[in-house]
């Protein structure tokens, strides 16, 4: 591996870190981090986002490069539009999840502990209680969608940077490692206020709802920008 390729890969790592903190990425993962009860769970949300993002970038990128083609503009923009839909969905889902939050105290084997949760309807107090296992499928799925949306630009960037398919594959992986590092760092920071406020239902609920509102508004703006300002609707019509 020569010095030129090493410098290209180093650049790819830096670009990956920078790519991770784009507004739509951070806002989307914030809706997942807002549900975290512990800081390491918020951090892992970022890691799994990076894994999903890298997986689709790698698969789509390498396939397109092997076929010596490119993703048509209409389809690339349509995948970007899908990100806006996802942001609106995540935002609304987050807002609903933080409605009517309260602390429920109960005992398991004589050990009293508390859970912060919400009821589906106002005044509903008779409910079964279950301990939910934390999963990161949501973060991975968000990363997959973002990876699909960014695959067109990734292919163009990679083809203009490296000389062979092997180098392209390495470059995309290094770029993906950068996104994992970047998102790990920022989801940890984002998760701090949510974790610290978990036992303060008013603050926790307000932060969660604000996160959901921001995601929803940004998602609508994102779709409008892609569909109207950048001409996606015109391309399809």
C-alpha atoms as a PDB file:
ATOM      1  CA  UNK A   1       0.000   0.000   0.000  1.00  0.00           C
ATOM      2  CA  UNK A   2       1.726   3.181  -1.195  1.00  0.00           C
ATOM      3  CA  UNK A   3       1.772   6.571   0.462  1.00  0.00           C
ATOM      4  CA  UNK A   4      -0.746   8.016  -2.005  1.00  0.00           C
ATOM      5  CA  UNK A   5      -3.364   5.398  -1.186  1.00  0.00           C
ATOM      6  CA  UNK A   6      -2.720   5.823   2.535  1.00  0.00           C
ATOM      7  CA  UNK A   7      -3.328   9.547   2.262  1.00  0.00           C
ATOM      8  CA  UNK A   8      -6.526   8.890   0.283  1.00  0.00           C
ATOM      9  CA  UNK A   9      -7.754   6.472   2.960  1.00  0.00           C
ATOM     10  CA  UNK A  10      -6.905   8.975   5.698  1.00  0.00           C
ATOM     11  CA  UNK A  11      -8.957  11.551   3.829  1.00  0.00           C
ATOM     12  CA  UNK A  12     -11.776   9.016   3.538  1.00  0.00           C
ATOM     13  CA  UNK A  13     -11.739   8.513   7.312  1.00  0.00           C
ATOM     14  CA  UNK A  14     -11.974  12.263   7.931  1.00  0.00           C
ATOM     15  CA  UNK A  15     -14.737  12.656   5.352  1.00  0.00           C
ATOM     16  CA  UNK A  16     -16.616   9.776   6.996  1.00  0.00           C
ATOM     17  CA  UNK A  17     -16.487  11.497  10.398  1.00  0.00           C
ATOM     18  CA  UNK A  18     -17.682  14.746   8.798  1.00  0.00           C
ATOM     19  CA  UNK A  19     -20.424  12.908   6.898  1.00  0.00           C
ATOM     20  CA  UNK A  20     -21.795  11.388  10.112  1.00  0.00           C
ATOM     21  CA  UNK A  21     -22.659  14.771  11.590  1.00  0.00           C
ATOM     22  CA  UNK A  22     -24.811  16.026   8.728  1.00  0.00           C
ATOM     23  CA  UNK A  23     -28.094  17.438  10.107  1.00  0.00           C
ATOM     24  CA  UNK A  24     -30.423  14.703   8.802  1.00  0.00           C
ATOM     25  CA  UNK A  25     -28.170  12.004  10.272  1.00  0.00           C
ATOM     26  CA  UNK A  26     -27.882  13.608  13.708  1.00  0.00           C
ATOM     27  CA  UNK A  27     -31.595  14.448  13.925  1.00  0.00           C
ATOM     28  CA  UNK A  28     -32.642  10.924  12.953  1.00  0.00           C
ATOM     29  CA  UNK A  29     -30.385   9.225  15.488  1.00  0.00           C
ATOM     30  CA  UNK A  30     -31.403  11.765  18.157  1.00  0.00           C
ATOM     31  CA  UNK A  31     -34.897  10.278  18.100  1.00  0.00           C
ATOM     32  CA  UNK A  32     -33.352   6.902  18.995  1.00  0.00           C
ATOM     33  CA  UNK A  33     -30.964   8.349  21.585  1.00  0.00           C
ATOM     34  CA  UNK A  34     -33.900  10.096  23.281  1.00  0.00           C
ATOM     35  CA  UNK A  35     -35.293   6.663  24.219  1.00  0.00           C
ATOM     36  CA  UNK A  36     -32.059   5.516  25.863  1.00  0.00           C
ATOM     37  CA  UNK A  37     -32.035   4.896  29.600  1.00  0.00           C
ATOM     38  CA  UNK A  38     -28.248   4.708  29.850  1.00  0.00           C
ATOM     39  CA  UNK A  39     -25.490   6.621  28.109  1.00  0.00           C
ATOM     40  CA  UNK A  40     -23.846   3.536  26.632  1.00  0.00           C
ATOM     41  CA  UNK A  41     -27.165   2.667  24.979  1.00  0.00           C
ATOM     42  CA  UNK A  42     -27.205   6.061  23.253  1.00  0.00           C
ATOM     43  CA  UNK A  43     -23.599   5.505  22.173  1.00  0.00           C
ATOM     44  CA  UNK A  44     -24.406   2.085  20.729  1.00  0.00           C
ATOM     45  CA  UNK A  45     -27.288   3.626  18.799  1.00  0.00           C
ATOM     46  CA  UNK A  46     -24.666   5.633  16.923  1.00  0.00           C
ATOM     47  CA  UNK A  47     -22.481   2.583  16.341  1.00  0.00           C
ATOM     48  CA  UNK A  48     -25.338   0.560  14.871  1.00  0.00           C
ATOM     49  CA  UNK A  49     -26.360   3.506  12.686  1.00  0.00           C
ATOM     50  CA  UNK A  50     -22.805   3.494  11.325  1.00  0.00           C
ATOM     51  CA  UNK A  51     -22.912  -0.257  10.707  1.00  0.00           C
ATOM     52  CA  UNK A  52     -26.160  -0.016   8.735  1.00  0.00           C
ATOM     53  CA  UNK A  53     -24.918   3.018   6.824  1.00  0.00           C
ATOM     54  CA  UNK A  54     -21.638   1.344   5.888  1.00  0.00           C
ATOM     55  CA  UNK A  55     -23.339  -1.904   4.851  1.00  0.00           C
ATOM     56  CA  UNK A  56     -25.536  -0.302   2.204  1.00  0.00           C
ATOM     57  CA  UNK A  57     -22.808   2.070   1.004  1.00  0.00           C
ATOM     58  CA  UNK A  58     -20.455  -0.879   0.561  1.00  0.00           C
ATOM     59  CA  UNK A  59     -22.901  -3.214  -1.178  1.00  0.00           C
ATOM     60  CA  UNK A  60     -24.496  -0.654  -3.502  1.00  0.00           C
ATOM     61  CA  UNK A  61     -21.224   1.195  -4.120  1.00  0.00           C
ATOM     62  CA  UNK A  62     -19.185  -1.868  -5.064  1.00  0.00           C
ATOM     63  CA  UNK A  63     -21.968  -3.312  -7.245  1.00  0.00           C
ATOM     64  CA  UNK A  64     -22.383  -0.066  -9.189  1.00  0.00           C
ATOM     65  CA  UNK A  65     -18.612   0.354  -9.593  1.00  0.00           C
ATOM     66  CA  UNK A  66     -18.254  -3.256 -10.816  1.00  0.00           C
ATOM     67  CA  UNK A  67     -21.001  -2.616 -13.356  1.00  0.00           C
ATOM     68  CA  UNK A  68     -19.172   0.575 -14.346  1.00  0.00           C
ATOM     69  CA  UNK A  69     -22.356   2.565 -14.094  1.00  0.00           C
ATOM     70  CA  UNK A  70     -23.970   5.178 -11.926  1.00  0.00           C
ATOM     71  CA  UNK A  71     -27.272   5.572 -10.101  1.00  0.00           C
ATOM     72  CA  UNK A  72     -29.744   7.589 -12.236  1.00  0.00           C
ATOM     73  CA  UNK A  73     -30.391  11.060 -10.815  1.00  0.00           C
ATOM     74  CA  UNK A  74     -34.127  10.415 -10.474  1.00  0.00           C
ATOM     75  CA  UNK A  75     -33.577   7.337  -8.336  1.00  0.00           C
ATOM     76  CA  UNK A  76     -30.784   8.921  -6.292  1.00  0.00           C
ATOM     77  CA  UNK A  77     -33.036  11.868  -5.453  1.00  0.00           C
ATOM     78  CA  UNK A  78     -35.942   9.539  -4.695  1.00  0.00           C
ATOM     79  CA  UNK A  79     -33.805   7.750  -2.115  1.00  0.00           C
ATOM     80  CA  UNK A  80     -32.935  11.134  -0.610  1.00  0.00           C
ATOM     81  CA  UNK A  81     -36.667  11.927  -0.474  1.00  0.00           C
ATOM     82  CA  UNK A  82     -37.155   8.686   1.459  1.00  0.00           C
ATOM     83  CA  UNK A  83     -34.941  10.138   4.201  1.00  0.00           C
ATOM     84  CA  UNK A  84     -37.427  12.988   4.642  1.00  0.00           C
ATOM     85  CA  UNK A  85     -40.303  10.530   5.002  1.00  0.00           C
ATOM     86  CA  UNK A  86     -38.315   8.594   7.583  1.00  0.00           C
ATOM     87  CA  UNK A  87     -37.546  11.767   9.580  1.00  0.00           C
ATOM     88  CA  UNK A  88     -41.241  12.678   9.722  1.00  0.00           C
ATOM     89  CA  UNK A  89     -42.142   9.147  10.816  1.00  0.00           C
ATOM     90  CA  UNK A  90     -39.451   9.100  13.506  1.00  0.00           C
ATOM     91  CA  UNK A  91     -40.471  12.549  14.708  1.00  0.00           C
ATOM     92  CA  UNK A  92     -44.150  11.696  15.066  1.00  0.00           C
ATOM     93  CA  UNK A  93     -43.313   8.373  16.701  1.00  0.00           C
ATOM     94  CA  UNK A  94     -41.039  10.136  19.227  1.00  0.00           C
ATOM     95  CA  UNK A  95     -43.675  12.760  20.061  1.00  0.00           C
ATOM     96  CA  UNK A  96     -46.291  10.062  20.688  1.00  0.00           C
ATOM     97  CA  UNK A  97     -43.905   8.005  22.841  1.00  0.00           C
ATOM     98  CA  UNK A  98     -43.298  10.959  25.174  1.00  0.00           C
ATOM     99  CA  UNK A  99     -46.957  11.848  25.684  1.00  0.00           C
ATOM    100  CA  UNK A 100     -48.438  11.333  29.178  1.00  0.00           C
ATOM    101  CA  UNK A 101     -45.096  10.273  30.685  1.00  0.00           C
ATOM    102  CA  UNK A 102     -45.068   9.439  34.388  1.00  0.00           C
ATOM    103  CA  UNK A 103     -43.088   7.384  36.896  1.00  0.00           C
ATOM    104  CA  UNK A 104     -44.458   3.993  37.856  1.00  0.00           C
ATOM    105  CA  UNK A 105     -43.151   2.365  41.045  1.00  0.00           C
ATOM    106  CA  UNK A 106     -43.411  -1.371  41.608  1.00  0.00           C
ATOM    107  CA  UNK A 107     -41.605  -4.293  43.205  1.00  0.00           C
ATOM    108  CA  UNK A 108     -39.891  -7.355  41.853  1.00  0.00           C
ATOM    109  CA  UNK A 109     -38.904  -9.952  44.464  1.00  0.00           C
ATOM    110  CA  UNK A 110     -39.131  -7.366  47.228  1.00  0.00           C
ATOM    111  CA  UNK A 111     -36.922  -4.882  45.376  1.00  0.00           C
ATOM    112  CA  UNK A 112     -38.732  -1.604  44.720  1.00  0.00           C
ATOM    113  CA  UNK A 113     -37.747   0.323  41.623  1.00  0.00           C
ATOM    114  CA  UNK A 114     -39.167   2.868  39.236  1.00  0.00           C
ATOM    115  CA  UNK A 115     -39.874   3.037  35.525  1.00  0.00           C
ATOM    116  CA  UNK A 116     -40.601   6.080  33.424  1.00  0.00           C
ATOM    117  CA  UNK A 117     -43.236   5.307  30.801  1.00  0.00           C
ATOM    118  CA  UNK A 118     -46.434   6.563  29.213  1.00  0.00           C
ATOM    119  CA  UNK A 119     -50.006   5.328  28.907  1.00  0.00           C
ATOM    120  CA  UNK A 120     -51.709   4.924  25.574  1.00  0.00           C
ATOM    121  CA  UNK A 121     -54.718   6.919  26.710  1.00  0.00           C
ATOM    122  CA  UNK A 122     -55.181   9.590  29.356  1.00  0.00           C
ATOM    123  CA  UNK A 123     -56.356   8.146  32.631  1.00  0.00           C
ATOM    124  CA  UNK A 124     -55.295   4.598  31.810  1.00  0.00           C
ATOM    125  CA  UNK A 125     -53.565   3.196  34.870  1.00  0.00           C
ATOM    126  CA  UNK A 126     -54.320  -0.508  34.778  1.00  0.00           C
ATOM    127  CA  UNK A 127     -51.502  -1.859  32.630  1.00  0.00           C
ATOM    128  CA  UNK A 128     -49.205  -4.838  32.484  1.00  0.00           C
ATOM    129  CA  UNK A 129     -45.541  -4.115  33.036  1.00  0.00           C
ATOM    130  CA  UNK A 130     -42.779  -5.652  31.008  1.00  0.00           C
ATOM    131  CA  UNK A 131     -39.048  -5.136  31.046  1.00  0.00           C
ATOM    132  CA  UNK A 132     -38.079  -4.249  27.487  1.00  0.00           C
ATOM    133  CA  UNK A 133     -34.797  -5.402  26.086  1.00  0.00           C
ATOM    134  CA  UNK A 134     -32.890  -2.692  24.312  1.00  0.00           C
ATOM    135  CA  UNK A 135     -32.559  -3.368  20.596  1.00  0.00           C
ATOM    136  CA  UNK A 136     -30.694  -1.425  17.965  1.00  0.00           C
ATOM    137  CA  UNK A 137     -32.615  -2.519  14.905  1.00  0.00           C
ATOM    138  CA  UNK A 138     -34.084   0.969  14.620  1.00  0.00           C
ATOM    139  CA  UNK A 139     -30.644   2.599  14.511  1.00  0.00           C
ATOM    140  CA  UNK A 140     -29.402   0.027  11.998  1.00  0.00           C
ATOM    141  CA  UNK A 141     -32.450   0.592   9.781  1.00  0.00           C
ATOM    142  CA  UNK A 142     -31.949   4.368   9.884  1.00  0.00           C
ATOM    143  CA  UNK A 143     -28.335   3.821   8.854  1.00  0.00           C
ATOM    144  CA  UNK A 144     -29.422   1.524   6.010  1.00  0.00           C
ATOM    145  CA  UNK A 145     -31.788   4.182   4.645  1.00  0.00           C
ATOM    146  CA  UNK A 146     -29.154   6.903   4.920  1.00  0.00           C
ATOM    147  CA  UNK A 147     -26.649   4.611   3.220  1.00  0.00           C
ATOM    148  CA  UNK A 148     -29.023   4.029   0.302  1.00  0.00           C
ATOM    149  CA  UNK A 149     -29.683   7.747   0.010  1.00  0.00           C
ATOM    150  CA  UNK A 150     -25.979   8.566  -0.040  1.00  0.00           C
ATOM    151  CA  UNK A 151     -24.831   5.709  -2.265  1.00  0.00           C
ATOM    152  CA  UNK A 152     -24.988   7.754  -5.472  1.00  0.00           C
ATOM    153  CA  UNK A 153     -22.686  10.465  -4.133  1.00  0.00           C
ATOM    154  CA  UNK A 154     -20.442   7.816  -2.568  1.00  0.00           C
ATOM    155  CA  UNK A 155     -19.959   6.081  -5.920  1.00  0.00           C
ATOM    156  CA  UNK A 156     -19.016   9.348  -7.650  1.00  0.00           C
ATOM    157  CA  UNK A 157     -16.620  10.269  -4.837  1.00  0.00           C
ATOM    158  CA  UNK A 158     -14.992   6.839  -4.810  1.00  0.00           C
ATOM    159  CA  UNK A 159     -14.619   6.602  -8.596  1.00  0.00           C
ATOM    160  CA  UNK A 160     -12.895   9.998  -8.663  1.00  0.00           C
ATOM    161  CA  UNK A 161     -10.553   9.051  -5.818  1.00  0.00           C
ATOM    162  CA  UNK A 162      -9.264   5.491  -6.384  1.00  0.00           C
ATOM    163  CA  UNK A 163      -8.018   3.431  -9.325  1.00  0.00           C
ATOM    164  CA  UNK A 164      -9.406  -0.092  -8.811  1.00  0.00           C
ATOM    165  CA  UNK A 165     -12.401  -1.945  -7.404  1.00  0.00           C
ATOM    166  CA  UNK A 166     -10.263  -3.318  -4.563  1.00  0.00           C
ATOM    167  CA  UNK A 167      -9.155   0.155  -3.555  1.00  0.00           C
ATOM    168  CA  UNK A 168     -12.770   1.346  -3.853  1.00  0.00           C
ATOM    169  CA  UNK A 169     -13.929  -1.358  -1.429  1.00  0.00           C
ATOM    170  CA  UNK A 170     -11.216  -0.428   1.087  1.00  0.00           C
ATOM    171  CA  UNK A 171     -12.013   3.266   0.703  1.00  0.00           C
ATOM    172  CA  UNK A 172     -15.739   2.735   1.388  1.00  0.00           C
ATOM    173  CA  UNK A 173     -14.966   0.615   4.465  1.00  0.00           C
ATOM    174  CA  UNK A 174     -12.580   3.251   5.835  1.00  0.00           C
ATOM    175  CA  UNK A 175     -15.168   5.941   5.098  1.00  0.00           C
ATOM    176  CA  UNK A 176     -17.701   3.788   6.984  1.00  0.00           C
ATOM    177  CA  UNK A 177     -15.373   3.472   9.979  1.00  0.00           C
ATOM    178  CA  UNK A 178     -15.220   7.260   9.999  1.00  0.00           C
ATOM    179  CA  UNK A 179     -19.018   7.521  10.098  1.00  0.00           C
ATOM    180  CA  UNK A 180     -19.125   5.053  13.011  1.00  0.00           C
ATOM    181  CA  UNK A 181     -16.551   7.095  14.953  1.00  0.00           C
ATOM    182  CA  UNK A 182     -18.342  10.365  14.210  1.00  0.00           C
ATOM    183  CA  UNK A 183     -21.784   9.105  15.132  1.00  0.00           C
ATOM    184  CA  UNK A 184     -20.497   7.321  18.253  1.00  0.00           C
ATOM    185  CA  UNK A 185     -19.086  10.619  19.494  1.00  0.00           C
ATOM    186  CA  UNK A 186     -22.159  12.708  18.741  1.00  0.00           C
ATOM    187  CA  UNK A 187     -24.814  10.267  19.944  1.00  0.00           C
ATOM    188  CA  UNK A 188     -22.904  10.053  23.233  1.00  0.00           C
ATOM    189  CA  UNK A 189     -23.076  13.831  23.563  1.00  0.00           C
ATOM    190  CA  UNK A 190     -26.729  13.919  22.477  1.00  0.00           C
ATOM    191  CA  UNK A 191     -27.617  11.146  24.921  1.00  0.00           C
ATOM    192  CA  UNK A 192     -26.265  12.969  28.003  1.00  0.00           C
ATOM    193  CA  UNK A 193     -29.234  15.340  28.582  1.00  0.00           C
ATOM    194  CA  UNK A 194     -31.758  12.571  27.926  1.00  0.00           C
ATOM    195  CA  UNK A 195     -30.099  10.168  30.360  1.00  0.00           C
ATOM    196  CA  UNK A 196     -29.652  12.828  33.076  1.00  0.00           C
ATOM    197  CA  UNK A 197     -33.307  13.857  32.862  1.00  0.00           C
ATOM    198  CA  UNK A 198     -34.855  10.360  32.821  1.00  0.00           C
ATOM    199  CA  UNK A 199     -36.162  10.640  36.391  1.00  0.00           C
ATOM    200  CA  UNK A 200     -37.436  14.178  35.854  1.00  0.00           C
ATOM    201  CA  UNK A 201     -40.494  13.457  33.782  1.00  0.00           C
ATOM    202  CA  UNK A 202     -41.313  17.047  32.835  1.00  0.00           C
ATOM    203  CA  UNK A 203     -37.832  17.779  31.517  1.00  0.00           C
ATOM    204  CA  UNK A 204     -37.481  14.354  29.889  1.00  0.00           C
ATOM    205  CA  UNK A 205     -40.856  14.648  28.187  1.00  0.00           C
ATOM    206  CA  UNK A 206     -40.136  18.172  26.965  1.00  0.00           C
ATOM    207  CA  UNK A 207     -36.747  17.170  25.521  1.00  0.00           C
ATOM    208  CA  UNK A 208     -38.272  14.164  23.812  1.00  0.00           C
ATOM    209  CA  UNK A 209     -41.139  16.121  22.297  1.00  0.00           C
ATOM    210  CA  UNK A 210     -38.788  18.889  21.130  1.00  0.00           C
ATOM    211  CA  UNK A 211     -36.622  16.238  19.449  1.00  0.00           C
ATOM    212  CA  UNK A 212     -39.691  14.778  17.743  1.00  0.00           C
ATOM    213  CA  UNK A 213     -40.910  18.186  16.570  1.00  0.00           C
ATOM    214  CA  UNK A 214     -37.489  19.084  15.157  1.00  0.00           C
ATOM    215  CA  UNK A 215     -37.318  15.753  13.310  1.00  0.00           C
ATOM    216  CA  UNK A 216     -40.816  16.212  11.880  1.00  0.00           C
ATOM    217  CA  UNK A 217     -40.287  19.808  10.755  1.00  0.00           C
ATOM    218  CA  UNK A 218     -36.863  19.078   9.277  1.00  0.00           C
ATOM    219  CA  UNK A 219     -38.286  16.024   7.489  1.00  0.00           C
ATOM    220  CA  UNK A 220     -41.031  18.107   5.866  1.00  0.00           C
ATOM    221  CA  UNK A 221     -38.473  20.741   4.859  1.00  0.00           C
ATOM    222  CA  UNK A 222     -36.152  18.023   3.523  1.00  0.00           C
ATOM    223  CA  UNK A 223     -38.908  16.549   1.332  1.00  0.00           C
ATOM    224  CA  UNK A 224     -39.925  19.994   0.065  1.00  0.00           C
ATOM    225  CA  UNK A 225     -36.334  20.864  -0.794  1.00  0.00           C
ATOM    226  CA  UNK A 226     -35.731  17.597  -2.687  1.00  0.00           C
ATOM    227  CA  UNK A 227     -39.145  17.487  -4.341  1.00  0.00           C
ATOM    228  CA  UNK A 228     -39.637  21.135  -5.285  1.00  0.00           C
ATOM    229  CA  UNK A 229     -36.375  23.073  -5.078  1.00  0.00           C
ATOM    230  CA  UNK A 230     -34.194  20.307  -6.567  1.00  0.00           C
ATOM    231  CA  UNK A 231     -36.885  19.178  -9.025  1.00  0.00           C
ATOM    232  CA  UNK A 232     -37.613  15.552  -8.070  1.00  0.00           C
ATOM    233  CA  UNK A 233     -41.364  15.957  -8.617  1.00  0.00           C
ATOM    234  CA  UNK A 234     -40.690  17.453 -12.047  1.00  0.00           C
ATOM    235  CA  UNK A 235     -38.466  14.505 -12.990  1.00  0.00           C
ATOM    236  CA  UNK A 236     -41.196  12.005 -12.143  1.00  0.00           C
ATOM    237  CA  UNK A 237     -44.035  14.006 -13.696  1.00  0.00           C
END
